[in-house]
Amino acid sequence: MRQTKKRTELNTKIKDTYKKAVKVANKVIESGKDAKEELRLAQQTLDKAAKKGVIKKNTAARKLSRLVKKVAKK
C-alpha cells in the first residue's frame, strides 16, 4: 500500500506537468505568438509521461499531433 501511494503521487505529478505544458502551449498558439518553445516543452513532457507508462504512447502522439496542427494553422 505504501508503494502504491508513492507511485500514485509520482504519476499525478507527471500528469499535472504534461497537462500544464499542453495548456500553456494552447494559450500561446491561440494568442498568435510563436509557440516553438512551448511546443518543444509540451513534447518533452508528453514523451516522458509516455516513457514512464503514465499515459500510452498513442495518447501522447495524438495530443502532440493536435498541437502541431494548431501551430500549422496559425
PDB file of N, CA and C in Angstrom:
ATOM      1  N   MET A   1       0.823  -1.192   0.000  1.00  0.00           N
ATOM      2  CA  MET A   1       0.000   0.000   0.000  1.00  0.00           C
ATOM      3  C   MET A   1       0.872   1.263   0.000  1.00  0.00           C
ATOM      4  N   ARG A   2       1.969   1.217   0.707  1.00  0.00           N
ATOM      5  CA  ARG A   2       2.853   2.380   0.729  1.00  0.00           C
ATOM      6  C   ARG A   2       3.450   2.625  -0.650  1.00  0.00           C
ATOM      7  N   GLN A   3       3.808   1.557  -1.317  1.00  0.00           N
ATOM      8  CA  GLN A   3       4.396   1.671  -2.651  1.00  0.00           C
ATOM      9  C   GLN A   3       3.364   2.236  -3.642  1.00  0.00           C
ATOM     10  N   THR A   4       2.139   1.784  -3.523  1.00  0.00           N
ATOM     11  CA  THR A   4       1.072   2.273  -4.391  1.00  0.00           C
ATOM     12  C   THR A   4       0.867   3.767  -4.177  1.00  0.00           C
ATOM     13  N   LYS A   5       0.918   4.189  -2.928  1.00  0.00           N
ATOM     14  CA  LYS A   5       0.723   5.606  -2.612  1.00  0.00           C
ATOM     15  C   LYS A   5       1.831   6.456  -3.236  1.00  0.00           C
ATOM     16  N   LYS A   6       3.076   5.989  -3.127  1.00  0.00           N
ATOM     17  CA  LYS A   6       4.211   6.715  -3.705  1.00  0.00           C
ATOM     18  C   LYS A   6       4.077   6.816  -5.220  1.00  0.00           C
ATOM     19  N   ARG A   7       3.731   5.698  -5.843  1.00  0.00           N
ATOM     20  CA  ARG A   7       3.616   5.678  -7.299  1.00  0.00           C
ATOM     21  C   ARG A   7       2.469   6.567  -7.774  1.00  0.00           C
ATOM     22  N   THR A   8       1.369   6.558  -7.033  1.00  0.00           N
ATOM     23  CA  THR A   8       0.224   7.389  -7.390  1.00  0.00           C
ATOM     24  C   THR A   8       0.601   8.859  -7.330  1.00  0.00           C
ATOM     25  N   GLU A   9       1.319   9.250  -6.294  1.00  0.00           N
ATOM     26  CA  GLU A   9       1.754  10.640  -6.163  1.00  0.00           C
ATOM     27  C   GLU A   9       2.675  11.036  -7.305  1.00  0.00           C
ATOM     28  N   LEU A  10       3.613  10.169  -7.635  1.00  0.00           N
ATOM     29  CA  LEU A  10       4.544  10.452  -8.719  1.00  0.00           C
ATOM     30  C   LEU A  10       3.815  10.553 -10.057  1.00  0.00           C
ATOM     31  N   ASN A  11       2.903   9.623 -10.319  1.00  0.00           N
ATOM     32  CA  ASN A  11       2.137   9.656 -11.563  1.00  0.00           C
ATOM     33  C   ASN A  11       1.278  10.910 -11.657  1.00  0.00           C
ATOM     34  N   THR A  12       0.721  11.331 -10.543  1.00  0.00           N
ATOM     35  CA  THR A  12      -0.096  12.543 -10.522  1.00  0.00           C
ATOM     36  C   THR A  12       0.752  13.767 -10.854  1.00  0.00           C
ATOM     37  N   LYS A  13       1.959  13.833 -10.310  1.00  0.00           N
ATOM     38  CA  LYS A  13       2.858  14.951 -10.621  1.00  0.00           C
ATOM     39  C   LYS A  13       3.201  14.979 -12.106  1.00  0.00           C
ATOM     40  N   ILE A  14       3.482  13.813 -12.663  1.00  0.00           N
ATOM     41  CA  ILE A  14       3.838  13.742 -14.083  1.00  0.00           C
ATOM     42  C   ILE A  14       2.651  14.165 -14.948  1.00  0.00           C
ATOM     43  N   LYS A  15       1.445  13.696 -14.599  1.00  0.00           N
ATOM     44  CA  LYS A  15       0.245  14.074 -15.351  1.00  0.00           C
ATOM     45  C   LYS A  15       0.001  15.579 -15.276  1.00  0.00           C
ATOM     46  N   ASP A  16       0.122  16.131 -14.081  1.00  0.00           N
ATOM     47  CA  ASP A  16      -0.079  17.572 -13.914  1.00  0.00           C
ATOM     48  C   ASP A  16       0.916  18.359 -14.754  1.00  0.00           C
ATOM     49  N   THR A  17       2.152  17.892 -14.794  1.00  0.00           N
ATOM     50  CA  THR A  17       3.197  18.585 -15.543  1.00  0.00           C
ATOM     51  C   THR A  17       2.877  18.619 -17.031  1.00  0.00           C
ATOM     52  N   TYR A  18       2.496  17.467 -17.596  1.00  0.00           N
ATOM     53  CA  TYR A  18       2.236  17.479 -19.042  1.00  0.00           C
ATOM     54  C   TYR A  18       0.947  18.218 -19.367  1.00  0.00           C
ATOM     55  N   LYS A  19      -0.033  18.163 -18.479  1.00  0.00           N
ATOM     56  CA  LYS A  19      -1.276  18.894 -18.728  1.00  0.00           C
ATOM     57  C   LYS A  19      -1.029  20.403 -18.716  1.00  0.00           C
ATOM     58  N   LYS A  20      -0.214  20.869 -17.773  1.00  0.00           N
ATOM     59  CA  LYS A  20       0.117  22.298 -17.719  1.00  0.00           C
ATOM     60  C   LYS A  20       0.876  22.727 -18.968  1.00  0.00           C
ATOM     61  N   ALA A  21       1.814  21.895 -19.410  1.00  0.00           N
ATOM     62  CA  ALA A  21       2.606  22.222 -20.605  1.00  0.00           C
ATOM     63  C   ALA A  21       1.709  22.317 -21.835  1.00  0.00           C
ATOM     64  N   VAL A  22       0.749  21.410 -21.955  1.00  0.00           N
ATOM     65  CA  VAL A  22      -0.166  21.430 -23.099  1.00  0.00           C
ATOM     66  C   VAL A  22      -1.066  22.660 -23.033  1.00  0.00           C
ATOM     67  N   LYS A  23      -1.541  23.004 -21.843  1.00  0.00           N
ATOM     68  CA  LYS A  23      -2.394  24.186 -21.694  1.00  0.00           C
ATOM     69  C   LYS A  23      -1.644  25.462 -22.064  1.00  0.00           C
ATOM     70  N   VAL A  24      -0.414  25.576 -21.596  1.00  0.00           N
ATOM     71  CA  VAL A  24       0.390  26.758 -21.907  1.00  0.00           C
ATOM     72  C   VAL A  24       0.621  26.849 -23.415  1.00  0.00           C
ATOM     73  N   ALA A  25       0.929  25.723 -24.028  1.00  0.00           N
ATOM     74  CA  ALA A  25       1.153  25.713 -25.474  1.00  0.00           C
ATOM     75  C   ALA A  25      -0.120  26.129 -26.206  1.00  0.00           C
ATOM     76  N   ASN A  26      -1.270  25.639 -25.771  1.00  0.00           N
ATOM     77  CA  ASN A  26      -2.540  26.019 -26.395  1.00  0.00           C
ATOM     78  C   ASN A  26      -2.803  27.517 -26.275  1.00  0.00           C
ATOM     79  N   LYS A  27      -2.543  28.069 -25.100  1.00  0.00           N
ATOM     80  CA  LYS A  27      -2.765  29.504 -24.898  1.00  0.00           C
ATOM     81  C   LYS A  27      -1.874  30.341 -25.796  1.00  0.00           C
ATOM     82  N   VAL A  28      -0.618  29.958 -25.906  1.00  0.00           N
ATOM     83  CA  VAL A  28       0.324  30.702 -26.742  1.00  0.00           C
ATOM     84  C   VAL A  28      -0.072  30.588 -28.215  1.00  0.00           C
ATOM     85  N   ILE A  29      -0.488  29.403 -28.619  1.00  0.00           N
ATOM     86  CA  ILE A  29      -0.901  29.200 -30.013  1.00  0.00           C
ATOM     87  C   ILE A  29      -2.113  30.074 -30.337  1.00  0.00           C
ATOM     88  N   GLU A  30      -3.086  30.084 -29.432  1.00  0.00           N
ATOM     89  CA  GLU A  30      -4.307  30.850 -29.676  1.00  0.00           C
ATOM     90  C   GLU A  30      -4.068  32.353 -29.612  1.00  0.00           C
ATOM     91  N   SER A  31      -3.059  32.776 -28.880  1.00  0.00           N
ATOM     92  CA  SER A  31      -2.765  34.208 -28.813  1.00  0.00           C
ATOM     93  C   SER A  31      -2.048  34.687 -30.076  1.00  0.00           C
ATOM     94  N   GLY A  32      -1.584  33.742 -30.892  1.00  0.00           N
ATOM     95  CA  GLY A  32      -0.959  34.098 -32.162  1.00  0.00           C
ATOM     96  C   GLY A  32       0.540  34.312 -32.082  1.00  0.00           C
ATOM     97  N   LYS A  33       1.121  34.034 -30.941  1.00  0.00           N
ATOM     98  CA  LYS A  33       2.572  34.195 -30.792  1.00  0.00           C
ATOM     99  C   LYS A  33       3.304  32.964 -31.312  1.00  0.00           C
ATOM    100  N   ASP A  34       4.607  33.093 -31.429  1.00  0.00           N
ATOM    101  CA  ASP A  34       5.434  31.969 -31.857  1.00  0.00           C
ATOM    102  C   ASP A  34       5.491  30.946 -30.718  1.00  0.00           C
ATOM    103  N   ALA A  35       5.074  29.727 -30.988  1.00  0.00           N
ATOM    104  CA  ALA A  35       4.911  28.733 -29.932  1.00  0.00           C
ATOM    105  C   ALA A  35       5.927  27.598 -30.020  1.00  0.00           C
ATOM    106  N   LYS A  36       7.053  27.826 -30.666  1.00  0.00           N
ATOM    107  CA  LYS A  36       8.018  26.740 -30.840  1.00  0.00           C
ATOM    108  C   LYS A  36       8.558  26.230 -29.512  1.00  0.00           C
ATOM    109  N   GLU A  37       8.901  27.142 -28.622  1.00  0.00           N
ATOM    110  CA  GLU A  37       9.471  26.733 -27.325  1.00  0.00           C
ATOM    111  C   GLU A  37       8.439  25.974 -26.492  1.00  0.00           C
ATOM    112  N   GLU A  38       7.200  26.489 -26.454  1.00  0.00           N
ATOM    113  CA  GLU A  38       6.154  25.823 -25.675  1.00  0.00           C
ATOM    114  C   GLU A  38       5.813  24.465 -26.271  1.00  0.00           C
ATOM    115  N   LEU A  39       5.837  24.393 -27.595  1.00  0.00           N
ATOM    116  CA  LEU A  39       5.571  23.123 -28.268  1.00  0.00           C
ATOM    117  C   LEU A  39       6.659  22.106 -27.934  1.00  0.00           C
ATOM    118  N   ARG A  40       7.897  22.555 -27.885  1.00  0.00           N
ATOM    119  CA  ARG A  40       9.016  21.674 -27.546  1.00  0.00           C
ATOM    120  C   ARG A  40       8.871  21.157 -26.115  1.00  0.00           C
ATOM    121  N   LEU A  41       8.510  22.044 -25.193  1.00  0.00           N
ATOM    122  CA  LEU A  41       8.334  21.630 -23.801  1.00  0.00           C
ATOM    123  C   LEU A  41       7.175  20.654 -23.653  1.00  0.00           C
ATOM    124  N   ALA A  42       6.088  20.915 -24.375  1.00  0.00           N
ATOM    125  CA  ALA A  42       4.935  20.013 -24.321  1.00  0.00           C
ATOM    126  C   ALA A  42       5.332  18.636 -24.858  1.00  0.00           C
ATOM    127  N   GLN A  43       6.116  18.620 -25.924  1.00  0.00           N
ATOM    128  CA  GLN A  43       6.557  17.345 -26.499  1.00  0.00           C
ATOM    129  C   GLN A  43       7.421  16.583 -25.504  1.00  0.00           C
ATOM    130  N   GLN A  44       8.327  17.289 -24.856  1.00  0.00           N
ATOM    131  CA  GLN A  44       9.198  16.627 -23.875  1.00  0.00           C
ATOM    132  C   GLN A  44       8.388  16.008 -22.741  1.00  0.00           C
ATOM    133  N   THR A  45       7.457  16.775 -22.193  1.00  0.00           N
ATOM    134  CA  THR A  45       6.689  16.267 -21.059  1.00  0.00           C
ATOM    135  C   THR A  45       5.778  15.112 -21.469  1.00  0.00           C
ATOM    136  N   LEU A  46       5.194  15.198 -22.663  1.00  0.00           N
ATOM    137  CA  LEU A  46       4.357  14.098 -23.144  1.00  0.00           C
ATOM    138  C   LEU A  46       5.192  12.835 -23.359  1.00  0.00           C
ATOM    139  N   ASP A  47       6.376  12.998 -23.941  1.00  0.00           N
ATOM    140  CA  ASP A  47       7.241  11.844 -24.176  1.00  0.00           C
ATOM    141  C   ASP A  47       7.693  11.201 -22.869  1.00  0.00           C
ATOM    142  N   LYS A  48       8.011  12.037 -21.876  1.00  0.00           N
ATOM    143  CA  LYS A  48       8.425  11.491 -20.578  1.00  0.00           C
ATOM    144  C   LYS A  48       7.287  10.720 -19.922  1.00  0.00           C
ATOM    145  N   ALA A  49       6.082  11.273 -19.995  1.00  0.00           N
ATOM    146  CA  ALA A  49       4.927  10.606 -19.394  1.00  0.00           C
ATOM    147  C   ALA A  49       4.660   9.272 -20.084  1.00  0.00           C
ATOM    148  N   ALA A  50       4.799   9.248 -21.410  1.00  0.00           N
ATOM    149  CA  ALA A  50       4.584   8.004 -22.154  1.00  0.00           C
ATOM    150  C   ALA A  50       5.677   6.988 -21.846  1.00  0.00           C
ATOM    151  N   LYS A  51       6.899   7.466 -21.738  1.00  0.00           N
ATOM    152  CA  LYS A  51       8.021   6.571 -21.458  1.00  0.00           C
ATOM    153  C   LYS A  51       7.870   5.910 -20.088  1.00  0.00           C
ATOM    154  N   LYS A  52       7.368   6.665 -19.121  1.00  0.00           N
ATOM    155  CA  LYS A  52       7.224   6.136 -17.769  1.00  0.00           C
ATOM    156  C   LYS A  52       5.932   5.342 -17.583  1.00  0.00           C
ATOM    157  N   GLY A  53       5.098   5.294 -18.619  1.00  0.00           N
ATOM    158  CA  GLY A  53       3.883   4.489 -18.554  1.00  0.00           C
ATOM    159  C   GLY A  53       2.709   5.185 -17.903  1.00  0.00           C
ATOM    160  N   VAL A  54       2.802   6.488 -17.695  1.00  0.00           N
ATOM    161  CA  VAL A  54       1.702   7.221 -17.079  1.00  0.00           C
ATOM    162  C   VAL A  54       0.561   7.356 -18.083  1.00  0.00           C
ATOM    163  N   ILE A  55       0.903   7.616 -19.346  1.00  0.00           N
ATOM    164  CA  ILE A  55      -0.071   7.616 -20.429  1.00  0.00           C
ATOM    165  C   ILE A  55       0.474   6.720 -21.539  1.00  0.00           C
ATOM    166  N   LYS A  56      -0.411   6.317 -22.431  1.00  0.00           N
ATOM    167  CA  LYS A  56       0.020   5.445 -23.528  1.00  0.00           C
ATOM    168  C   LYS A  56       0.732   6.267 -24.593  1.00  0.00           C
ATOM    169  N   LYS A  57       1.569   5.591 -25.362  1.00  0.00           N
ATOM    170  CA  LYS A  57       2.342   6.271 -26.405  1.00  0.00           C
ATOM    171  C   LYS A  57       1.429   6.902 -27.438  1.00  0.00           C
ATOM    172  N   ASN A  58       0.360   6.222 -27.812  1.00  0.00           N
ATOM    173  CA  ASN A  58      -0.550   6.767 -28.812  1.00  0.00           C
ATOM    174  C   ASN A  58      -1.279   8.001 -28.293  1.00  0.00           C
ATOM    175  N   THR A  59      -1.574   8.032 -27.013  1.00  0.00           N
ATOM    176  CA  THR A  59      -2.216   9.197 -26.417  1.00  0.00           C
ATOM    177  C   THR A  59      -1.289  10.401 -26.496  1.00  0.00           C
ATOM    178  N   ALA A  60      -0.033  10.188 -26.174  1.00  0.00           N
ATOM    179  CA  ALA A  60       0.951  11.266 -26.256  1.00  0.00           C
ATOM    180  C   ALA A  60       1.096  11.740 -27.697  1.00  0.00           C
ATOM    181  N   ALA A  61       1.148  10.809 -28.622  1.00  0.00           N
ATOM    182  CA  ALA A  61       1.287  11.161 -30.033  1.00  0.00           C
ATOM    183  C   ALA A  61       0.070  11.935 -30.524  1.00  0.00           C
ATOM    184  N   ARG A  62      -1.110  11.523 -30.105  1.00  0.00           N
ATOM    185  CA  ARG A  62      -2.344  12.207 -30.509  1.00  0.00           C
ATOM    186  C   ARG A  62      -2.381  13.639 -29.996  1.00  0.00           C
ATOM    187  N   LYS A  63      -2.041  13.830 -28.734  1.00  0.00           N
ATOM    188  CA  LYS A  63      -2.052  15.171 -28.150  1.00  0.00           C
ATOM    189  C   LYS A  63      -1.023  16.075 -28.834  1.00  0.00           C
ATOM    190  N   LEU A  64       0.143  15.541 -29.111  1.00  0.00           N
ATOM    191  CA  LEU A  64       1.181  16.314 -29.780  1.00  0.00           C
ATOM    192  C   LEU A  64       0.770  16.647 -31.210  1.00  0.00           C
ATOM    193  N   SER A  65       0.174  15.691 -31.884  1.00  0.00           N
ATOM    194  CA  SER A  65      -0.276  15.911 -33.257  1.00  0.00           C
ATOM    195  C   SER A  65      -1.296  17.041 -33.319  1.00  0.00           C
ATOM    196  N   ARG A  66      -2.203  17.077 -32.373  1.00  0.00           N
ATOM    197  CA  ARG A  66      -3.219  18.136 -32.348  1.00  0.00           C
ATOM    198  C   ARG A  66      -2.586  19.503 -32.112  1.00  0.00           C
ATOM    199  N   LEU A  67      -1.583  19.538 -31.247  1.00  0.00           N
ATOM    200  CA  LEU A  67      -0.890  20.805 -31.013  1.00  0.00           C
ATOM    201  C   LEU A  67      -0.168  21.278 -32.273  1.00  0.00           C
ATOM    202  N   VAL A  68       0.507  20.364 -32.946  1.00  0.00           N
ATOM    203  CA  VAL A  68       1.263  20.722 -34.155  1.00  0.00           C
ATOM    204  C   VAL A  68       0.313  21.224 -35.239  1.00  0.00           C
ATOM    205  N   LYS A  69      -0.865  20.599 -35.350  1.00  0.00           N
ATOM    206  CA  LYS A  69      -1.863  21.053 -36.323  1.00  0.00           C
ATOM    207  C   LYS A  69      -2.283  22.491 -36.044  1.00  0.00           C
ATOM    208  N   LYS A  70      -2.487  22.802 -34.763  1.00  0.00           N
ATOM    209  CA  LYS A  70      -2.875  24.172 -34.400  1.00  0.00           C
ATOM    210  C   LYS A  70      -1.796  25.159 -34.760  1.00  0.00           C
ATOM    211  N   VAL A  71      -0.538  24.792 -34.537  1.00  0.00           N
ATOM    212  CA  VAL A  71       0.576  25.669 -34.864  1.00  0.00           C
ATOM    213  C   VAL A  71       0.638  25.884 -36.372  1.00  0.00           C
ATOM    214  N   ALA A  72       0.405  24.833 -37.135  1.00  0.00           N
ATOM    215  CA  ALA A  72       0.482  24.931 -38.593  1.00  0.00           C
ATOM    216  C   ALA A  72      -0.633  25.835 -39.146  1.00  0.00           C
ATOM    217  N   LYS A  73      -1.785  25.858 -38.500  1.00  0.00           N
ATOM    218  CA  LYS A  73      -2.892  26.702 -38.953  1.00  0.00           C
ATOM    219  C   LYS A  73      -2.584  28.174 -38.774  1.00  0.00           C
ATOM    220  N   LYS A  74      -1.891  28.521 -37.706  1.00  0.00           N
ATOM    221  CA  LYS A  74      -1.641  29.937 -37.377  1.00  0.00           C
ATOM    222  C   LYS A  74      -0.503  30.518 -38.169  1.00  0.00           C
TER     223      LYS A  74
END
